[in-house]
N, C-alpha and C. Protein backbone atom coordinates (compact mmCIF):
# COMPACT_ATOMS: atom_id res chain seq x y z
N UNK A 1 22.48 -16.26 -0.90
CA UNK A 1 22.10 -15.20 -1.70
C UNK A 1 21.59 -15.66 -2.97
N UNK A 2 20.67 -14.93 -3.52
CA UNK A 2 20.14 -15.20 -4.84
C UNK A 2 19.85 -13.97 -5.68
N UNK A 3 19.76 -14.07 -6.97
CA UNK A 3 19.40 -13.07 -7.73
C UNK A 3 17.97 -13.28 -8.30
N UNK A 4 17.09 -12.32 -8.30
CA UNK A 4 15.74 -12.50 -8.59
C UNK A 4 15.36 -11.26 -9.50
N UNK A 5 14.40 -11.49 -10.33
CA UNK A 5 13.61 -10.18 -11.13
C UNK A 5 12.97 -9.35 -10.06
N UNK A 6 12.66 -8.34 -10.36
CA UNK A 6 11.93 -7.13 -9.63
C UNK A 6 10.42 -7.79 -9.51
N UNK A 7 9.70 -8.38 -10.33
CA UNK A 7 8.45 -8.98 -10.15
C UNK A 7 8.38 -10.09 -9.05
N UNK A 8 9.56 -10.93 -9.10
CA UNK A 8 9.35 -11.90 -8.01
C UNK A 8 9.80 -11.35 -6.63
N UNK A 9 10.56 -10.37 -6.70
CA UNK A 9 10.89 -9.84 -5.24
C UNK A 9 9.54 -9.18 -4.79
N UNK A 10 8.84 -8.52 -5.63
CA UNK A 10 7.61 -7.78 -4.99
C UNK A 10 6.61 -8.85 -4.61
N UNK A 11 6.53 -10.09 -5.52
CA UNK A 11 5.57 -11.22 -5.04
C UNK A 11 5.99 -11.76 -3.70
N UNK A 12 7.40 -11.98 -3.50
CA UNK A 12 7.71 -12.63 -2.31
C UNK A 12 7.42 -11.79 -1.05
N UNK A 13 7.78 -10.46 -1.38
CA UNK A 13 7.36 -9.62 -0.17
C UNK A 13 5.78 -9.52 0.15
N UNK A 14 5.04 -9.46 -0.92
CA UNK A 14 3.57 -9.34 -0.75
C UNK A 14 3.20 -10.78 -0.08
N UNK A 15 3.72 -11.87 -0.13
CA UNK A 15 3.49 -13.20 0.41
C UNK A 15 4.03 -12.94 1.99
N UNK A 16 4.53 -12.13 2.29
CA UNK A 16 5.21 -11.72 3.68
C UNK A 16 6.38 -12.67 4.11
N UNK A 17 7.38 -12.60 3.11
CA UNK A 17 8.86 -13.06 3.55
C UNK A 17 9.54 -11.98 3.88
N UNK A 18 10.36 -12.21 4.77
CA UNK A 18 11.38 -11.29 5.30
C UNK A 18 12.46 -11.47 4.55
N UNK A 19 12.99 -10.18 3.92
CA UNK A 19 14.25 -10.44 3.00
C UNK A 19 14.97 -9.13 3.13
N UNK A 20 16.25 -9.21 2.51
CA UNK A 20 17.13 -7.95 2.23
C UNK A 20 17.57 -8.11 1.16
N UNK A 21 17.54 -6.76 0.50
CA UNK A 21 18.00 -6.50 -0.95
C UNK A 21 19.28 -5.75 -0.73
N UNK A 22 20.48 -6.46 -1.14
CA UNK A 22 21.76 -6.13 -0.81
C UNK A 22 22.36 -5.21 -1.94
N UNK A 23 21.82 -5.44 -3.06
CA UNK A 23 22.49 -4.75 -4.32
C UNK A 23 21.60 -5.31 -5.65
N UNK A 24 22.13 -4.77 -6.76
CA UNK A 24 21.71 -5.22 -8.07
C UNK A 24 22.57 -5.46 -8.96
N UNK A 25 22.23 -6.50 -9.82
CA UNK A 25 23.08 -6.95 -10.99
C UNK A 25 22.12 -6.91 -12.35
N UNK A 26 22.58 -5.60 -13.06
CA UNK A 26 21.59 -5.54 -14.11
C UNK A 26 20.01 -5.49 -13.61
N UNK A 27 19.19 -6.20 -14.18
CA UNK A 27 17.84 -6.01 -13.94
C UNK A 27 17.57 -7.04 -12.87
N UNK A 28 18.52 -7.66 -12.10
CA UNK A 28 18.12 -8.61 -11.00
C UNK A 28 18.63 -7.85 -9.64
N UNK A 29 17.76 -8.43 -8.70
CA UNK A 29 17.91 -7.71 -7.32
C UNK A 29 18.66 -9.00 -6.49
N UNK A 30 19.74 -8.88 -5.75
CA UNK A 30 20.39 -9.70 -4.96
C UNK A 30 19.84 -9.91 -3.64
N UNK A 31 19.13 -10.85 -3.31
CA UNK A 31 18.35 -11.14 -2.18
C UNK A 31 18.85 -12.03 -1.31
N UNK A 32 18.79 -11.76 0.06
CA UNK A 32 19.47 -12.76 1.08
C UNK A 32 18.21 -12.71 2.15
N UNK A 33 18.18 -13.70 3.02
CA UNK A 33 17.41 -13.68 4.29
C UNK A 33 18.05 -12.69 5.20
N UNK A 34 17.08 -12.02 6.03
CA UNK A 34 17.32 -10.94 6.99
C UNK A 34 18.15 -11.66 8.03
N UNK A 35 19.38 -11.28 8.50
CA UNK A 35 20.01 -11.77 9.54
C UNK A 35 19.83 -10.72 10.78
N UNK A 36 19.67 -11.27 11.92
CA UNK A 36 19.72 -10.42 13.06
C UNK A 36 20.90 -10.27 13.77
N UNK A 37 21.32 -9.49 14.86
CA UNK A 37 22.49 -9.41 15.15
C UNK A 37 22.64 -10.29 16.43
N UNK A 38 23.73 -11.01 16.49
CA UNK A 38 23.89 -11.96 17.54
C UNK A 38 25.09 -11.58 18.33
N UNK A 39 24.66 -11.39 19.65
CA UNK A 39 25.69 -10.99 20.65
C UNK A 39 26.11 -12.00 21.51
N UNK A 40 27.33 -12.59 21.27
CA UNK A 40 27.66 -13.87 22.14
C UNK A 40 27.44 -15.13 21.31
N UNK A 41 28.09 -16.11 21.84
CA UNK A 41 27.79 -17.51 21.42
C UNK A 41 26.65 -18.45 22.01
N UNK A 42 25.78 -18.62 21.07
CA UNK A 42 24.53 -19.61 21.53
C UNK A 42 24.55 -20.74 20.76
N UNK A 43 24.59 -21.87 21.62
CA UNK A 43 24.58 -23.21 20.99
C UNK A 43 23.10 -23.45 20.51
N UNK A 44 23.01 -24.59 19.58
CA UNK A 44 21.77 -25.06 19.37
C UNK A 44 20.81 -25.54 20.34
N UNK A 45 21.72 -26.28 21.24
CA UNK A 45 20.91 -26.90 22.57
C UNK A 45 20.25 -25.87 23.33
N UNK A 46 21.02 -24.77 23.45
CA UNK A 46 20.41 -23.72 24.40
C UNK A 46 19.28 -23.14 23.60
N UNK A 47 19.34 -22.98 22.34
CA UNK A 47 18.25 -22.24 21.62
C UNK A 47 17.04 -23.33 21.87
N UNK A 48 17.35 -24.42 21.69
CA UNK A 48 16.11 -25.56 21.94
C UNK A 48 15.32 -25.45 23.20
N UNK A 49 16.15 -25.03 24.29
CA UNK A 49 15.66 -24.90 25.63
C UNK A 49 14.63 -23.95 25.66
N UNK A 50 14.69 -22.79 24.96
CA UNK A 50 14.01 -21.66 25.10
C UNK A 50 12.43 -21.95 25.02
N UNK A 51 11.72 -21.28 25.70
CA UNK A 51 10.31 -21.59 25.71
C UNK A 51 9.74 -20.87 24.25
N UNK A 52 9.08 -22.00 23.79
CA UNK A 52 8.38 -21.58 22.53
C UNK A 52 7.12 -20.45 22.60
N UNK A 53 7.20 -19.60 21.92
CA UNK A 53 6.13 -18.62 22.02
C UNK A 53 4.87 -18.87 21.18
N UNK A 54 3.60 -18.58 21.38
CA UNK A 54 2.57 -18.85 20.46
C UNK A 54 2.62 -17.63 19.51
N UNK A 55 2.28 -18.03 18.23
CA UNK A 55 2.37 -17.06 17.12
C UNK A 55 1.16 -15.92 17.64
N UNK A 56 1.45 -14.58 17.25
CA UNK A 56 0.57 -13.54 17.47
C UNK A 56 0.13 -13.11 16.11
N UNK A 57 0.18 -13.75 15.16
CA UNK A 57 -0.68 -13.33 13.88
C UNK A 57 0.46 -12.47 13.07
N UNK A 58 0.28 -12.37 11.70
CA UNK A 58 1.14 -11.64 10.90
C UNK A 58 0.58 -10.32 10.54
N UNK A 59 1.44 -9.66 9.51
CA UNK A 59 1.02 -8.49 8.98
C UNK A 59 -0.34 -8.64 8.24
N UNK A 60 -1.03 -7.26 8.06
CA UNK A 60 -2.34 -7.22 7.45
C UNK A 60 -2.26 -7.42 5.97
N UNK A 61 -3.19 -7.62 5.21
CA UNK A 61 -3.12 -7.56 3.69
C UNK A 61 -2.89 -6.22 3.26
N UNK A 62 -3.52 -5.17 3.87
CA UNK A 62 -2.86 -3.88 3.37
C UNK A 62 -1.48 -3.58 3.84
N UNK A 63 -0.96 -4.03 4.78
CA UNK A 63 0.42 -3.75 5.07
C UNK A 63 1.47 -4.65 4.06
N UNK A 64 0.92 -5.77 3.98
CA UNK A 64 1.73 -6.50 2.79
C UNK A 64 1.81 -6.02 1.47
N UNK A 65 0.48 -5.32 0.85
CA UNK A 65 0.25 -4.68 -0.40
C UNK A 65 1.14 -3.47 -0.36
N UNK A 66 1.25 -2.52 0.79
CA UNK A 66 2.03 -1.49 0.81
C UNK A 66 3.29 -1.62 0.78
N UNK A 67 3.85 -2.49 1.44
CA UNK A 67 5.13 -2.99 1.58
C UNK A 67 5.76 -3.58 0.10
N UNK A 68 4.93 -4.22 -0.43
CA UNK A 68 5.38 -4.55 -1.86
C UNK A 68 5.49 -3.56 -2.82
N UNK A 69 4.51 -2.48 -2.81
CA UNK A 69 4.58 -1.16 -3.58
C UNK A 69 5.91 -0.50 -3.21
N UNK A 70 6.08 -0.35 -1.82
CA UNK A 70 7.32 0.50 -1.47
C UNK A 70 8.66 -0.36 -1.79
N UNK A 71 8.74 -1.66 -1.94
CA UNK A 71 9.72 -2.59 -2.40
C UNK A 71 9.90 -2.24 -3.96
N UNK A 72 8.92 -2.24 -4.65
CA UNK A 72 8.98 -1.96 -6.13
C UNK A 72 9.40 -0.64 -6.51
N UNK A 73 9.40 0.27 -5.79
CA UNK A 73 9.82 1.85 -5.92
C UNK A 73 11.01 1.94 -5.60
N UNK A 74 11.52 1.12 -4.38
CA UNK A 74 13.00 1.37 -4.21
C UNK A 74 13.78 0.46 -4.89
N UNK A 75 13.39 -0.69 -5.47
CA UNK A 75 14.19 -1.56 -6.45
C UNK A 75 14.19 -0.96 -7.73
N UNK A 76 13.22 -0.17 -8.01
CA UNK A 76 13.26 0.56 -9.44
C UNK A 76 14.38 1.64 -9.52
N UNK A 77 14.77 2.13 -8.15
CA UNK A 77 15.76 3.20 -8.05
C UNK A 77 17.06 2.70 -7.61
N UNK A 78 17.21 1.27 -7.66
CA UNK A 78 18.16 0.43 -7.18
C UNK A 78 18.72 0.69 -5.81
N UNK A 79 17.96 0.88 -4.84
CA UNK A 79 18.34 1.23 -3.40
C UNK A 79 18.23 -0.07 -2.56
N UNK A 80 19.22 -0.50 -1.65
CA UNK A 80 19.31 -1.53 -0.74
C UNK A 80 18.28 -1.30 0.35
N UNK A 81 17.57 -2.05 0.54
CA UNK A 81 16.60 -2.30 1.75
C UNK A 81 16.38 -3.55 2.49
N UNK A 82 15.92 -3.72 3.60
CA UNK A 82 15.30 -4.89 4.39
C UNK A 82 13.82 -4.73 4.45
N UNK A 83 13.02 -5.79 4.47
CA UNK A 83 11.75 -5.88 4.87
C UNK A 83 11.43 -7.00 5.97
N UNK A 84 11.09 -6.54 7.22
CA UNK A 84 10.78 -7.46 8.09
C UNK A 84 9.42 -7.30 8.61
N UNK A 85 8.66 -8.41 8.97
CA UNK A 85 7.24 -8.42 9.07
C UNK A 85 7.01 -9.10 10.46
N UNK A 86 6.23 -8.40 11.24
CA UNK A 86 5.79 -8.86 12.69
C UNK A 86 4.41 -9.02 12.81
N UNK A 87 3.93 -9.23 14.09
CA UNK A 87 2.39 -9.07 14.27
C UNK A 87 1.84 -7.80 14.07
N UNK A 88 0.99 -7.62 13.05
CA UNK A 88 0.15 -6.59 12.47
C UNK A 88 1.21 -5.47 12.31
N UNK A 89 2.45 -5.60 11.66
CA UNK A 89 3.29 -4.58 11.29
C UNK A 89 4.20 -5.11 10.39
N UNK A 90 4.85 -4.06 9.46
CA UNK A 90 5.79 -4.25 8.63
C UNK A 90 6.82 -3.21 8.51
N UNK A 91 8.00 -3.41 8.64
CA UNK A 91 9.27 -2.74 8.84
C UNK A 91 10.03 -2.67 7.60
N UNK A 92 10.34 -1.61 6.88
CA UNK A 92 11.18 -1.21 5.84
C UNK A 92 12.37 -0.68 6.35
N UNK A 93 13.64 -1.08 6.36
CA UNK A 93 14.86 -0.59 6.63
C UNK A 93 15.69 -0.01 5.57
N UNK A 94 15.90 1.13 5.33
CA UNK A 94 16.37 1.74 4.08
C UNK A 94 17.26 3.08 4.41
N UNK A 95 18.31 3.07 4.07
CA UNK A 95 19.51 3.86 4.30
C UNK A 95 19.81 3.80 5.84
N UNK A 96 19.90 5.20 6.53
CA UNK A 96 20.16 4.96 7.83
C UNK A 96 18.75 5.07 9.02
N UNK A 97 17.74 4.76 8.39
CA UNK A 97 16.44 4.78 9.05
C UNK A 97 15.59 3.70 8.62
N UNK A 98 14.33 3.71 9.35
CA UNK A 98 13.27 2.58 8.99
C UNK A 98 11.97 3.38 8.85
N UNK A 99 11.08 2.62 8.11
CA UNK A 99 9.53 3.04 8.22
C UNK A 99 8.89 1.97 8.61
N UNK A 100 8.00 2.05 9.56
CA UNK A 100 7.22 0.96 10.22
C UNK A 100 5.84 1.30 9.75
N UNK A 101 5.21 0.22 9.25
CA UNK A 101 3.80 0.34 8.82
C UNK A 101 2.81 -0.39 9.96
N UNK A 102 2.19 0.44 10.48
CA UNK A 102 1.16 -0.10 11.86
C UNK A 102 -0.14 0.38 11.35
N UNK A 103 -0.80 1.28 12.47
CA UNK A 103 -2.09 1.88 12.07
C UNK A 103 -1.93 2.95 11.10
N UNK A 104 -0.76 3.57 11.16
CA UNK A 104 -0.38 4.64 10.30
C UNK A 104 0.98 4.60 10.06
N UNK A 105 1.75 5.47 9.63
CA UNK A 105 3.35 5.36 9.26
C UNK A 105 3.98 5.91 10.16
N UNK A 106 5.23 5.38 10.77
CA UNK A 106 5.91 5.94 11.44
C UNK A 106 7.52 5.65 11.06
N UNK A 107 8.12 7.05 10.80
CA UNK A 107 9.45 7.14 10.05
C UNK A 107 10.47 7.47 11.17
N UNK A 108 11.52 6.73 11.50
CA UNK A 108 12.67 7.04 12.41
C UNK A 108 13.97 7.13 11.65
N UNK A 109 14.94 7.69 12.17
CA UNK A 109 16.25 7.86 11.58
C UNK A 109 16.39 8.86 10.49
N UNK A 110 15.65 9.59 9.98
CA UNK A 110 15.77 10.69 9.12
C UNK A 110 15.42 12.01 9.64
N UNK A 111 16.07 13.10 9.30
CA UNK A 111 16.16 14.34 9.83
C UNK A 111 14.69 15.13 9.45
N UNK A 112 14.35 14.65 8.36
CA UNK A 112 13.23 15.33 7.72
C UNK A 112 12.15 14.59 6.51
N UNK A 113 11.10 14.80 6.26
CA UNK A 113 10.58 13.96 4.97
C UNK A 113 11.11 14.26 3.71
N UNK A 114 11.90 15.28 3.60
CA UNK A 114 12.71 15.55 2.28
C UNK A 114 13.77 14.78 2.12
N UNK A 115 14.32 14.01 3.14
CA UNK A 115 15.54 13.40 2.98
C UNK A 115 15.36 12.07 2.22
N UNK A 116 16.29 11.72 1.43
CA UNK A 116 16.25 10.71 0.50
C UNK A 116 16.40 9.21 1.29
N UNK A 117 15.54 8.37 1.07
CA UNK A 117 14.63 8.18 -0.16
C UNK A 117 13.13 8.43 0.17
N UNK A 118 12.85 9.20 1.10
CA UNK A 118 11.53 9.17 1.58
C UNK A 118 10.61 10.04 0.40
N UNK A 119 11.20 11.04 -0.30
CA UNK A 119 10.29 11.61 -1.57
C UNK A 119 9.89 10.59 -2.59
N UNK A 120 10.63 9.52 -2.83
CA UNK A 120 10.41 8.55 -3.70
C UNK A 120 9.15 7.67 -3.27
N UNK A 121 8.83 7.51 -2.08
CA UNK A 121 7.69 6.69 -1.69
C UNK A 121 6.93 7.31 -0.87
N UNK A 122 6.95 8.64 -0.60
CA UNK A 122 5.95 9.60 0.28
C UNK A 122 4.48 9.37 -0.36
N UNK A 123 4.21 9.23 -1.44
CA UNK A 123 2.86 9.09 -2.19
C UNK A 123 2.35 7.78 -1.42
N UNK A 124 2.78 6.77 -1.66
CA UNK A 124 2.62 5.54 -1.10
C UNK A 124 2.14 5.51 0.23
N UNK A 125 3.17 6.13 0.92
CA UNK A 125 2.91 6.12 2.59
C UNK A 125 1.81 7.06 3.00
N UNK A 126 1.46 8.05 2.30
CA UNK A 126 0.22 8.97 2.46
C UNK A 126 -1.01 8.30 2.30
N UNK A 127 -0.85 7.42 1.16
CA UNK A 127 -2.17 6.63 0.82
C UNK A 127 -2.31 5.61 1.86
N UNK A 128 -1.33 4.97 2.62
CA UNK A 128 -1.55 3.92 3.57
C UNK A 128 -2.29 4.68 4.86
N UNK A 129 -1.74 5.68 5.15
CA UNK A 129 -2.21 6.39 6.38
C UNK A 129 -1.44 7.56 6.95
N UNK A 130 -1.99 7.92 8.10
CA UNK A 130 -1.08 9.23 8.53
C UNK A 130 0.34 8.95 8.89
N UNK A 131 1.06 9.77 8.28
CA UNK A 131 2.55 9.76 8.46
C UNK A 131 3.34 10.62 9.50
N UNK A 132 3.87 9.98 10.29
CA UNK A 132 4.57 10.75 11.33
C UNK A 132 6.11 10.35 11.39
N UNK A 133 6.74 11.54 11.66
CA UNK A 133 8.17 11.49 11.66
C UNK A 133 8.82 11.65 13.25
N UNK A 134 9.34 10.60 13.52
CA UNK A 134 9.76 10.41 14.99
C UNK A 134 11.31 11.07 15.11
N UNK A 135 11.21 12.11 16.09
CA UNK A 135 12.35 12.89 16.20
C UNK A 135 13.40 12.01 17.45
N UNK A 136 14.56 12.10 17.27
CA UNK A 136 15.56 11.39 18.20
C UNK A 136 15.28 12.14 19.37
N UNK A 137 15.47 11.32 20.53
CA UNK A 137 15.54 11.85 21.96
C UNK A 137 16.83 12.48 22.28
N UNK A 138 16.71 13.74 22.99
CA UNK A 138 18.08 14.49 23.38
C UNK A 138 18.21 14.39 24.71
């Protein structure tokens, strides 16, 4: 874990770094690497035996810029969030849901577009592309 200023946080996200903001101390964000969920024990030897995949590319420049703008807005409001980049996509996990930037914007885990913190960042999302709220399966 490290403490970094808001400007450095935004630059790291725009550079495509996966990270988690777990809190704030004054003007500094407390940042850590994103950790996945591990189910069961896996040794380093077993991991080395797994077939290596070919890289499939990273997020687009537009996705990096938009993720940086969203991160700035969330950090200015002192909200905890995670940013994870994949092949031609960016995912921002905030609160109980997530926002995925692909061709458009897909939002899941929220009951409406008026639920916090979505109103804080809705202008940025609409500028990126079509916003879709995904409803849970029943």
